[in-house]
Amino acid sequence: MNGHIVWLRPERSYGFVRPVDGGGDMVFDVDRTTRARLGAIAPGMAVHFMVRHDGTGPVAVILGAGHLDDDTL
């Protein structure tokens, strides 16, 4: 899925991403692996990601920089 980072709180280790095709914002963890894949993380940044559903709702996982044409990882 493609989206954009809309809010970021790196000191608290989380942020929100909004899917390009609509729907609600999803939380993501700003961990070491995410930082390694994305580099400098900033609001407005284009990303691709997978969605995992947990007890609180959808969560964006495995974020990567940029949008993918075929929208798959």
PDB file of N, CA and C in Angstrom:
ATOM      1  N   MET A   1       0.847  -1.159   0.000  1.00  0.00           N
ATOM      2  CA  MET A   1       0.000   0.000   0.000  1.00  0.00           C
ATOM      3  C   MET A   1       0.901   1.232   0.000  1.00  0.00           C
ATOM      4  N   ASN A   2       0.503   2.260  -0.716  1.00  0.00           N
ATOM      5  CA  ASN A   2       1.256   3.509  -0.765  1.00  0.00           C
ATOM      6  C   ASN A   2       0.594   4.557   0.121  1.00  0.00           C
ATOM      7  N   GLY A   3       1.400   5.452   0.667  1.00  0.00           N
ATOM      8  CA  GLY A   3       0.866   6.509   1.509  1.00  0.00           C
ATOM      9  C   GLY A   3       1.898   7.584   1.773  1.00  0.00           C
ATOM     10  N   HIS A   4       1.540   8.473   2.681  1.00  0.00           N
ATOM     11  CA  HIS A   4       2.425   9.569   3.082  1.00  0.00           C
ATOM     12  C   HIS A   4       2.428   9.673   4.602  1.00  0.00           C
ATOM     13  N   ILE A   5       3.583   9.994   5.154  1.00  0.00           N
ATOM     14  CA  ILE A   5       3.662  10.238   6.587  1.00  0.00           C
ATOM     15  C   ILE A   5       2.981  11.578   6.853  1.00  0.00           C
ATOM     16  N   VAL A   6       2.011  11.564   7.766  1.00  0.00           N
ATOM     17  CA  VAL A   6       1.263  12.792   8.050  1.00  0.00           C
ATOM     18  C   VAL A   6       1.591  13.382   9.421  1.00  0.00           C
ATOM     19  N   TRP A   7       2.172  12.592  10.292  1.00  0.00           N
ATOM     20  CA  TRP A   7       2.493  13.070  11.639  1.00  0.00           C
ATOM     21  C   TRP A   7       3.599  12.201  12.192  1.00  0.00           C
ATOM     22  N   LEU A   8       4.499  12.798  12.929  1.00  0.00           N
ATOM     23  CA  LEU A   8       5.655  12.062  13.416  1.00  0.00           C
ATOM     24  C   LEU A   8       6.045  12.553  14.804  1.00  0.00           C
ATOM     25  N   ARG A   9       6.301  11.625  15.708  1.00  0.00           N
ATOM     26  CA  ARG A   9       6.781  11.933  17.051  1.00  0.00           C
ATOM     27  C   ARG A   9       7.956  10.998  17.327  1.00  0.00           C
ATOM     28  N   PRO A  10       9.128  11.281  16.744  1.00  0.00           N
ATOM     29  CA  PRO A  10      10.262  10.363  16.874  1.00  0.00           C
ATOM     30  C   PRO A  10      10.722  10.152  18.312  1.00  0.00           C
ATOM     31  N   GLU A  11      10.608  11.169  19.153  1.00  0.00           N
ATOM     32  CA  GLU A  11      11.042  10.993  20.540  1.00  0.00           C
ATOM     33  C   GLU A  11      10.140  10.026  21.304  1.00  0.00           C
ATOM     34  N   ARG A  12       8.938   9.796  20.805  1.00  0.00           N
ATOM     35  CA  ARG A  12       8.018   8.823  21.404  1.00  0.00           C
ATOM     36  C   ARG A  12       7.958   7.532  20.580  1.00  0.00           C
ATOM     37  N   SER A  13       8.710   7.482  19.480  1.00  0.00           N
ATOM     38  CA  SER A  13       8.866   6.304  18.620  1.00  0.00           C
ATOM     39  C   SER A  13       7.607   5.879  17.880  1.00  0.00           C
ATOM     40  N   TYR A  14       6.817   6.845  17.420  1.00  0.00           N
ATOM     41  CA  TYR A  14       5.687   6.487  16.572  1.00  0.00           C
ATOM     42  C   TYR A  14       5.293   7.658  15.671  1.00  0.00           C
ATOM     43  N   GLY A  15       4.483   7.340  14.688  1.00  0.00           N
ATOM     44  CA  GLY A  15       3.971   8.332  13.770  1.00  0.00           C
ATOM     45  C   GLY A  15       2.712   7.790  13.114  1.00  0.00           C
ATOM     46  N   PHE A  16       2.160   8.568  12.180  1.00  0.00           N
ATOM     47  CA  PHE A  16       0.968   8.144  11.453  1.00  0.00           C
ATOM     48  C   PHE A  16       1.197   8.291   9.959  1.00  0.00           C
ATOM     49  N   VAL A  17       0.662   7.344   9.212  1.00  0.00           N
ATOM     50  CA  VAL A  17       0.742   7.350   7.760  1.00  0.00           C
ATOM     51  C   VAL A  17      -0.681   7.315   7.213  1.00  0.00           C
ATOM     52  N   ARG A  18      -0.920   8.064   6.124  1.00  0.00           N
ATOM     53  CA  ARG A  18      -2.232   8.102   5.478  1.00  0.00           C
ATOM     54  C   ARG A  18      -2.138   7.412   4.120  1.00  0.00           C
ATOM     55  N   PRO A  19      -2.958   6.378   3.888  1.00  0.00           N
ATOM     56  CA  PRO A  19      -2.945   5.694   2.599  1.00  0.00           C
ATOM     57  C   PRO A  19      -3.345   6.635   1.459  1.00  0.00           C
ATOM     58  N   VAL A  20      -2.718   6.480   0.313  1.00  0.00           N
ATOM     59  CA  VAL A  20      -3.015   7.290  -0.863  1.00  0.00           C
ATOM     60  C   VAL A  20      -4.443   7.050  -1.346  1.00  0.00           C
ATOM     61  N   ASP A  21      -4.901   5.807  -1.266  1.00  0.00           N
ATOM     62  CA  ASP A  21      -6.224   5.479  -1.799  1.00  0.00           C
ATOM     63  C   ASP A  21      -7.361   5.752  -0.814  1.00  0.00           C
ATOM     64  N   GLY A  22      -7.081   6.486   0.246  1.00  0.00           N
ATOM     65  CA  GLY A  22      -8.117   6.851   1.205  1.00  0.00           C
ATOM     66  C   GLY A  22      -8.110   5.953   2.422  1.00  0.00           C
ATOM     67  N   GLY A  23      -9.028   6.209   3.299  1.00  0.00           N
ATOM     68  CA  GLY A  23      -9.079   5.456   4.546  1.00  0.00           C
ATOM     69  C   GLY A  23      -8.438   6.255   5.656  1.00  0.00           C
ATOM     70  N   GLY A  24      -8.522   5.724   6.842  1.00  0.00           N
ATOM     71  CA  GLY A  24      -7.995   6.419   8.002  1.00  0.00           C
ATOM     72  C   GLY A  24      -6.494   6.319   8.133  1.00  0.00           C
ATOM     73  N   ASP A  25      -5.939   7.225   8.918  1.00  0.00           N
ATOM     74  CA  ASP A  25      -4.518   7.205   9.217  1.00  0.00           C
ATOM     75  C   ASP A  25      -4.188   5.971  10.049  1.00  0.00           C
ATOM     76  N   MET A  26      -2.994   5.448   9.870  1.00  0.00           N
ATOM     77  CA  MET A  26      -2.539   4.272  10.609  1.00  0.00           C
ATOM     78  C   MET A  26      -1.263   4.594  11.355  1.00  0.00           C
ATOM     79  N   VAL A  27      -1.169   4.105  12.561  1.00  0.00           N
ATOM     80  CA  VAL A  27       0.018   4.298  13.372  1.00  0.00           C
ATOM     81  C   VAL A  27       1.148   3.395  12.862  1.00  0.00           C
ATOM     82  N   PHE A  28       2.388   3.834  13.037  1.00  0.00           N
ATOM     83  CA  PHE A  28       3.551   2.988  12.768  1.00  0.00           C
ATOM     84  C   PHE A  28       4.605   3.260  13.828  1.00  0.00           C
ATOM     85  N   ASP A  29       5.422   2.250  14.094  1.00  0.00           N
ATOM     86  CA  ASP A  29       6.518   2.373  15.056  1.00  0.00           C
ATOM     87  C   ASP A  29       7.749   2.938  14.370  1.00  0.00           C
ATOM     88  N   VAL A  30       8.391   3.874  15.019  1.00  0.00           N
ATOM     89  CA  VAL A  30       9.663   4.412  14.535  1.00  0.00           C
ATOM     90  C   VAL A  30      10.766   3.678  15.297  1.00  0.00           C
ATOM     91  N   ASP A  31      11.104   2.493  14.794  1.00  0.00           N
ATOM     92  CA  ASP A  31      12.138   1.694  15.436  1.00  0.00           C
ATOM     93  C   ASP A  31      13.416   1.738  14.596  1.00  0.00           C
ATOM     94  N   ARG A  32      14.433   1.044  15.051  1.00  0.00           N
ATOM     95  CA  ARG A  32      15.725   1.034  14.349  1.00  0.00           C
ATOM     96  C   ARG A  32      15.600   0.516  12.921  1.00  0.00           C
ATOM     97  N   THR A  33      14.789  -0.517  12.723  1.00  0.00           N
ATOM     98  CA  THR A  33      14.624  -1.095  11.389  1.00  0.00           C
ATOM     99  C   THR A  33      13.926  -0.109  10.455  1.00  0.00           C
ATOM    100  N   THR A  34      12.894   0.550  10.947  1.00  0.00           N
ATOM    101  CA  THR A  34      12.188   1.545  10.132  1.00  0.00           C
ATOM    102  C   THR A  34      13.116   2.689   9.765  1.00  0.00           C
ATOM    103  N   ARG A  35      13.896   3.166  10.729  1.00  0.00           N
ATOM    104  CA  ARG A  35      14.847   4.248  10.444  1.00  0.00           C
ATOM    105  C   ARG A  35      15.876   3.818   9.396  1.00  0.00           C
ATOM    106  N   ALA A  36      16.326   2.571   9.452  1.00  0.00           N
ATOM    107  CA  ALA A  36      17.306   2.078   8.482  1.00  0.00           C
ATOM    108  C   ALA A  36      16.705   2.028   7.082  1.00  0.00           C
ATOM    109  N   ARG A  37      15.441   1.607   6.967  1.00  0.00           N
ATOM    110  CA  ARG A  37      14.798   1.519   5.650  1.00  0.00           C
ATOM    111  C   ARG A  37      14.439   2.885   5.084  1.00  0.00           C
ATOM    112  N   LEU A  38      14.034   3.832   5.938  1.00  0.00           N
ATOM    113  CA  LEU A  38      13.544   5.125   5.460  1.00  0.00           C
ATOM    114  C   LEU A  38      14.602   6.218   5.443  1.00  0.00           C
ATOM    115  N   GLY A  39      15.616   6.103   6.263  1.00  0.00           N
ATOM    116  CA  GLY A  39      16.586   7.189   6.373  1.00  0.00           C
ATOM    117  C   GLY A  39      15.977   8.331   7.167  1.00  0.00           C
ATOM    118  N   ALA A  40      16.073   9.539   6.643  1.00  0.00           N
ATOM    119  CA  ALA A  40      15.500  10.712   7.324  1.00  0.00           C
ATOM    120  C   ALA A  40      13.980  10.678   7.157  1.00  0.00           C
ATOM    121  N   ILE A  41      13.265  10.523   8.262  1.00  0.00           N
ATOM    122  CA  ILE A  41      11.811  10.427   8.241  1.00  0.00           C
ATOM    123  C   ILE A  41      11.227  11.810   8.499  1.00  0.00           C
ATOM    124  N   ALA A  42      10.260  12.224   7.659  1.00  0.00           N
ATOM    125  CA  ALA A  42       9.648  13.541   7.830  1.00  0.00           C
ATOM    126  C   ALA A  42       8.202  13.515   7.344  1.00  0.00           C
ATOM    127  N   PRO A  43       7.351  14.338   7.935  1.00  0.00           N
ATOM    128  CA  PRO A  43       5.978  14.454   7.437  1.00  0.00           C
ATOM    129  C   PRO A  43       5.973  14.827   5.956  1.00  0.00           C
ATOM    130  N   GLY A  44       5.042  14.247   5.215  1.00  0.00           N
ATOM    131  CA  GLY A  44       4.952  14.463   3.775  1.00  0.00           C
ATOM    132  C   GLY A  44       5.711  13.437   2.957  1.00  0.00           C
ATOM    133  N   MET A  45       6.567  12.666   3.606  1.00  0.00           N
ATOM    134  CA  MET A  45       7.380  11.667   2.916  1.00  0.00           C
ATOM    135  C   MET A  45       6.508  10.572   2.310  1.00  0.00           C
ATOM    136  N   ALA A  46       6.771  10.223   1.047  1.00  0.00           N
ATOM    137  CA  ALA A  46       6.078   9.122   0.377  1.00  0.00           C
ATOM    138  C   ALA A  46       6.650   7.803   0.872  1.00  0.00           C
ATOM    139  N   VAL A  47       5.766   6.867   1.211  1.00  0.00           N
ATOM    140  CA  VAL A  47       6.181   5.563   1.710  1.00  0.00           C
ATOM    141  C   VAL A  47       5.281   4.473   1.132  1.00  0.00           C
ATOM    142  N   HIS A  48       5.762   3.238   1.185  1.00  0.00           N
ATOM    143  CA  HIS A  48       4.933   2.072   0.930  1.00  0.00           C
ATOM    144  C   HIS A  48       5.013   1.205   2.174  1.00  0.00           C
ATOM    145  N   PHE A  49       3.964   0.426   2.416  1.00  0.00           N
ATOM    146  CA  PHE A  49       3.899  -0.326   3.659  1.00  0.00           C
ATOM    147  C   PHE A  49       2.888  -1.457   3.541  1.00  0.00           C
ATOM    148  N   MET A  50       2.934  -2.345   4.517  1.00  0.00           N
ATOM    149  CA  MET A  50       1.938  -3.402   4.645  1.00  0.00           C
ATOM    150  C   MET A  50       1.061  -3.050   5.845  1.00  0.00           C
ATOM    151  N   VAL A  51      -0.121  -3.644   5.902  1.00  0.00           N
ATOM    152  CA  VAL A  51      -1.052  -3.384   6.993  1.00  0.00           C
ATOM    153  C   VAL A  51      -1.226  -4.644   7.824  1.00  0.00           C
ATOM    154  N   ARG A  52      -1.081  -4.481   9.129  1.00  0.00           N
ATOM    155  CA  ARG A  52      -1.344  -5.564  10.071  1.00  0.00           C
ATOM    156  C   ARG A  52      -2.512  -5.114  10.942  1.00  0.00           C
ATOM    157  N   HIS A  53      -3.419  -6.018  11.227  1.00  0.00           N
ATOM    158  CA  HIS A  53      -4.558  -5.692  12.085  1.00  0.00           C
ATOM    159  C   HIS A  53      -4.296  -6.283  13.461  1.00  0.00           C
ATOM    160  N   ASP A  54      -4.355  -5.412  14.478  1.00  0.00           N
ATOM    161  CA  ASP A  54      -4.208  -5.907  15.845  1.00  0.00           C
ATOM    162  C   ASP A  54      -5.458  -5.531  16.631  1.00  0.00           C
ATOM    163  N   GLY A  55      -5.442  -5.674  17.921  1.00  0.00           N
ATOM    164  CA  GLY A  55      -6.615  -5.428  18.748  1.00  0.00           C
ATOM    165  C   GLY A  55      -7.114  -3.994  18.742  1.00  0.00           C
ATOM    166  N   THR A  56      -6.270  -3.050  18.331  1.00  0.00           N
ATOM    167  CA  THR A  56      -6.674  -1.644  18.321  1.00  0.00           C
ATOM    168  C   THR A  56      -7.022  -1.131  16.930  1.00  0.00           C
ATOM    169  N   GLY A  57      -6.811  -1.930  15.898  1.00  0.00           N
ATOM    170  CA  GLY A  57      -7.099  -1.509  14.528  1.00  0.00           C
ATOM    171  C   GLY A  57      -5.914  -1.743  13.619  1.00  0.00           C
ATOM    172  N   PRO A  58      -5.961  -1.167  12.407  1.00  0.00           N
ATOM    173  CA  PRO A  58      -4.868  -1.378  11.453  1.00  0.00           C
ATOM    174  C   PRO A  58      -3.602  -0.634  11.869  1.00  0.00           C
ATOM    175  N   VAL A  59      -2.456  -1.287  11.614  1.00  0.00           N
ATOM    176  CA  VAL A  59      -1.144  -0.734  11.921  1.00  0.00           C
ATOM    177  C   VAL A  59      -0.289  -0.851  10.670  1.00  0.00           C
ATOM    178  N   ALA A  60       0.412   0.227  10.306  1.00  0.00           N
ATOM    179  CA  ALA A  60       1.322   0.197   9.160  1.00  0.00           C
ATOM    180  C   ALA A  60       2.629  -0.459   9.599  1.00  0.00           C
ATOM    181  N   VAL A  61       3.080  -1.455   8.839  1.00  0.00           N
ATOM    182  CA  VAL A  61       4.324  -2.166   9.155  1.00  0.00           C
ATOM    183  C   VAL A  61       5.183  -2.284   7.902  1.00  0.00           C
ATOM    184  N   ILE A  62       6.455  -2.561   8.105  1.00  0.00           N
ATOM    185  CA  ILE A  62       7.433  -2.755   7.028  1.00  0.00           C
ATOM    186  C   ILE A  62       7.408  -1.563   6.063  1.00  0.00           C
ATOM    187  N   LEU A  63       7.572  -0.369   6.595  1.00  0.00           N
ATOM    188  CA  LEU A  63       7.589   0.833   5.773  1.00  0.00           C
ATOM    189  C   LEU A  63       8.851   0.901   4.935  1.00  0.00           C
ATOM    190  N   GLY A  64       8.710   1.362   3.707  1.00  0.00           N
ATOM    191  CA  GLY A  64       9.828   1.594   2.815  1.00  0.00           C
ATOM    192  C   GLY A  64       9.659   2.958   2.154  1.00  0.00           C
ATOM    193  N   ALA A  65      10.738   3.561   1.735  1.00  0.00           N
ATOM    194  CA  ALA A  65      10.696   4.886   1.108  1.00  0.00           C
ATOM    195  C   ALA A  65      10.118   4.819  -0.296  1.00  0.00           C
ATOM    196  N   GLY A  66       9.301   5.797  -0.651  1.00  0.00           N
ATOM    197  CA  GLY A  66       8.750   5.932  -1.994  1.00  0.00           C
ATOM    198  C   GLY A  66       7.503   5.099  -2.201  1.00  0.00           C
ATOM    199  N   HIS A  67       6.851   5.381  -3.302  1.00  0.00           N
ATOM    200  CA  HIS A  67       5.666   4.635  -3.695  1.00  0.00           C
ATOM    201  C   HIS A  67       6.067   3.522  -4.663  1.00  0.00           C
ATOM    202  N   LEU A  68       5.324   2.418  -4.636  1.00  0.00           N
ATOM    203  CA  LEU A  68       5.549   1.329  -5.575  1.00  0.00           C
ATOM    204  C   LEU A  68       4.475   1.360  -6.649  1.00  0.00           C
ATOM    205  N   ASP A  69       4.881   1.149  -7.901  1.00  0.00           N
ATOM    206  CA  ASP A  69       3.931   1.152  -9.012  1.00  0.00           C
ATOM    207  C   ASP A  69       2.879   0.068  -8.894  1.00  0.00           C
ATOM    208  N   ASP A  70       3.292  -1.145  -8.524  1.00  0.00           N
ATOM    209  CA  ASP A  70       2.338  -2.252  -8.441  1.00  0.00           C
ATOM    210  C   ASP A  70       1.760  -2.410  -7.048  1.00  0.00           C
ATOM    211  N   ASP A  71       2.145  -1.518  -6.126  1.00  0.00           N
ATOM    212  CA  ASP A  71       1.581  -1.469  -4.773  1.00  0.00           C
ATOM    213  C   ASP A  71       1.748  -2.776  -3.991  1.00  0.00           C
ATOM    214  N   THR A  72       2.845  -3.476  -4.226  1.00  0.00           N
ATOM    215  CA  THR A  72       3.141  -4.677  -3.457  1.00  0.00           C
ATOM    216  C   THR A  72       4.546  -4.565  -2.896  1.00  0.00           C
ATOM    217  N   LEU A  73       4.833  -5.350  -1.871  1.00  0.00           N
ATOM    218  CA  LEU A  73       6.196  -5.332  -1.314  1.00  0.00           C
ATOM    219  C   LEU A  73       7.005  -6.428  -1.930  1.00  0.00           C
TER     220      LEU A  73
END
